[in-house]
Every structure is written in structure tokens, then in C-alpha cells.
């Protein structure tokens, strides 16, 4: 796992880039499960990054 902050930011941004806009007109059709999965994946990436810094 990289510890480069810019690379970690880019990885998180890539994971969150496809999330829909909750304030959009068609917000009632948003796939909440997909949003949750993307957020969980970004969270896991950040946790792994922090764990690698602690070593």
C-alpha cells in the first residue's frame, strides 16, 4: 500500500467519482447500495493507508 498522500487522494477520488449527485432532480432513483459500497471501499482504502503508515 502506498503512503503517498497525493496517490491516496487520487485513488479515493477515483472511487468516489462515479457517485451520483443526491441533489439531482432524479435523486429518488439513486442506488443507495451502490453508494454505500463505494463509500465502504474508499473507507477501506483509507484504513489500509493508515495501517501502512503505522508500520
N, C-alpha and C. Protein backbone atom coordinates (compact mmCIF):
# COMPACT_ATOMS: atom_id res chain seq x y z
N UNK A 1 0.85 -1.18 0.00
CA UNK A 1 0.00 0.00 0.00
C UNK A 1 0.89 1.23 0.00
N UNK A 2 0.55 2.15 -0.86
CA UNK A 2 1.31 3.39 -0.94
C UNK A 2 1.02 4.29 0.26
N UNK A 3 1.98 5.11 0.63
CA UNK A 3 1.77 6.09 1.68
C UNK A 3 1.85 7.51 1.12
N UNK A 4 1.94 7.63 -0.20
CA UNK A 4 2.00 8.94 -0.84
C UNK A 4 0.61 9.59 -0.77
N UNK A 5 0.48 10.72 -0.06
CA UNK A 5 -0.83 11.35 0.11
C UNK A 5 -1.52 11.70 -1.21
N UNK A 6 -0.76 12.18 -2.18
CA UNK A 6 -1.37 12.55 -3.47
C UNK A 6 -1.93 11.32 -4.18
N UNK A 7 -1.20 10.22 -4.10
CA UNK A 7 -1.67 9.00 -4.75
C UNK A 7 -2.91 8.45 -4.03
N UNK A 8 -2.92 8.53 -2.72
CA UNK A 8 -4.08 8.07 -1.94
C UNK A 8 -5.29 8.94 -2.27
N UNK A 9 -5.10 10.26 -2.32
CA UNK A 9 -6.20 11.15 -2.68
C UNK A 9 -6.76 10.82 -4.05
N UNK A 10 -5.87 10.55 -4.99
CA UNK A 10 -6.29 10.21 -6.35
C UNK A 10 -7.08 8.90 -6.37
N UNK A 11 -6.65 7.94 -5.58
CA UNK A 11 -7.34 6.65 -5.52
C UNK A 11 -8.74 6.83 -4.92
N UNK A 12 -8.84 7.61 -3.85
CA UNK A 12 -10.14 7.86 -3.22
C UNK A 12 -11.04 8.63 -4.19
N UNK A 13 -10.48 9.64 -4.83
CA UNK A 13 -11.26 10.43 -5.80
C UNK A 13 -11.79 9.55 -6.92
N UNK A 14 -10.98 8.61 -7.38
CA UNK A 14 -11.42 7.71 -8.45
C UNK A 14 -12.58 6.83 -7.97
N UNK A 15 -12.52 6.39 -6.73
CA UNK A 15 -13.60 5.56 -6.20
C UNK A 15 -14.90 6.34 -6.05
N UNK A 16 -14.78 7.61 -5.72
CA UNK A 16 -15.97 8.42 -5.46
C UNK A 16 -16.45 9.20 -6.67
N UNK A 17 -15.70 9.17 -7.75
CA UNK A 17 -16.02 9.98 -8.94
C UNK A 17 -17.36 9.60 -9.57
N UNK A 18 -17.74 8.36 -9.49
CA UNK A 18 -18.96 7.90 -10.14
C UNK A 18 -20.21 8.00 -9.28
N UNK A 19 -20.06 8.53 -8.08
CA UNK A 19 -21.23 8.63 -7.21
C UNK A 19 -22.21 9.66 -7.77
N UNK A 20 -23.48 9.34 -7.73
CA UNK A 20 -24.49 10.27 -8.26
C UNK A 20 -24.67 11.48 -7.34
N UNK A 21 -25.21 12.53 -7.89
CA UNK A 21 -25.49 13.75 -7.13
C UNK A 21 -26.83 13.58 -6.41
N UNK A 22 -26.82 13.56 -5.08
CA UNK A 22 -28.07 13.34 -4.34
C UNK A 22 -29.05 14.51 -4.46
N UNK A 23 -28.58 15.66 -4.92
CA UNK A 23 -29.49 16.80 -5.08
C UNK A 23 -30.05 16.90 -6.51
N UNK A 24 -29.75 15.91 -7.32
CA UNK A 24 -30.25 15.90 -8.70
C UNK A 24 -31.75 15.71 -8.72
N UNK A 25 -32.36 16.11 -9.83
CA UNK A 25 -33.81 16.00 -9.98
C UNK A 25 -34.31 14.56 -9.88
N UNK A 26 -33.50 13.62 -10.32
CA UNK A 26 -33.91 12.21 -10.29
C UNK A 26 -33.32 11.47 -9.09
N UNK A 27 -33.13 12.16 -7.99
CA UNK A 27 -32.49 11.59 -6.80
C UNK A 27 -33.25 10.39 -6.23
N UNK A 28 -34.54 10.30 -6.50
CA UNK A 28 -35.30 9.16 -5.96
C UNK A 28 -34.90 7.84 -6.62
N UNK A 29 -34.17 7.91 -7.73
CA UNK A 29 -33.75 6.71 -8.43
C UNK A 29 -32.29 6.32 -8.14
N UNK A 30 -31.71 6.95 -7.13
CA UNK A 30 -30.32 6.67 -6.79
C UNK A 30 -30.20 5.30 -6.12
N UNK A 31 -29.19 4.57 -6.53
CA UNK A 31 -28.92 3.24 -5.97
C UNK A 31 -28.10 3.40 -4.69
N UNK A 32 -28.79 3.38 -3.57
CA UNK A 32 -28.15 3.59 -2.27
C UNK A 32 -27.13 2.49 -1.97
N UNK A 33 -27.41 1.29 -2.39
CA UNK A 33 -26.48 0.18 -2.16
C UNK A 33 -25.15 0.42 -2.87
N UNK A 34 -25.21 0.96 -4.09
CA UNK A 34 -24.00 1.26 -4.85
C UNK A 34 -23.20 2.37 -4.17
N UNK A 35 -23.89 3.37 -3.68
CA UNK A 35 -23.22 4.46 -2.96
C UNK A 35 -22.54 3.91 -1.71
N UNK A 36 -23.25 3.09 -0.97
CA UNK A 36 -22.69 2.51 0.25
C UNK A 36 -21.47 1.66 -0.06
N UNK A 37 -21.51 0.89 -1.12
CA UNK A 37 -20.37 0.05 -1.49
C UNK A 37 -19.16 0.90 -1.87
N UNK A 38 -19.39 1.99 -2.59
CA UNK A 38 -18.28 2.87 -2.98
C UNK A 38 -17.68 3.55 -1.76
N UNK A 39 -18.53 4.01 -0.85
CA UNK A 39 -18.03 4.66 0.37
C UNK A 39 -17.27 3.67 1.24
N UNK A 40 -17.76 2.44 1.32
CA UNK A 40 -17.07 1.43 2.10
C UNK A 40 -15.71 1.11 1.50
N UNK A 41 -15.64 1.03 0.19
CA UNK A 41 -14.37 0.75 -0.48
C UNK A 41 -13.37 1.89 -0.24
N UNK A 42 -13.84 3.14 -0.31
CA UNK A 42 -12.97 4.28 -0.03
C UNK A 42 -12.50 4.26 1.42
N UNK A 43 -13.40 3.93 2.32
CA UNK A 43 -13.05 3.83 3.74
C UNK A 43 -11.98 2.76 3.96
N UNK A 44 -12.18 1.60 3.35
CA UNK A 44 -11.20 0.51 3.50
C UNK A 44 -9.83 0.92 2.96
N UNK A 45 -9.82 1.64 1.85
CA UNK A 45 -8.56 2.12 1.28
C UNK A 45 -7.86 3.05 2.27
N UNK A 46 -8.60 3.96 2.88
CA UNK A 46 -8.02 4.88 3.85
C UNK A 46 -7.51 4.14 5.09
N UNK A 47 -8.24 3.16 5.54
CA UNK A 47 -7.80 2.37 6.70
C UNK A 47 -6.50 1.65 6.38
N UNK A 48 -6.42 1.03 5.20
CA UNK A 48 -5.18 0.34 4.80
C UNK A 48 -4.01 1.32 4.71
N UNK A 49 -4.27 2.52 4.20
CA UNK A 49 -3.22 3.52 4.10
C UNK A 49 -2.72 3.92 5.48
N UNK A 50 -3.65 4.13 6.40
CA UNK A 50 -3.25 4.48 7.77
C UNK A 50 -2.49 3.35 8.44
N UNK A 51 -2.93 2.13 8.23
CA UNK A 51 -2.22 0.98 8.81
C UNK A 51 -0.81 0.87 8.26
N UNK A 52 -0.62 1.18 7.00
CA UNK A 52 0.72 1.07 6.41
C UNK A 52 1.64 2.17 6.93
N UNK A 53 1.09 3.31 7.32
CA UNK A 53 1.89 4.39 7.90
C UNK A 53 2.33 4.02 9.30
N UNK A 54 1.48 3.32 10.03
CA UNK A 54 1.79 2.93 11.41
C UNK A 54 2.92 1.93 11.51
N UNK A 55 3.18 1.21 10.44
CA UNK A 55 4.22 0.17 10.47
C UNK A 55 5.59 0.72 10.48
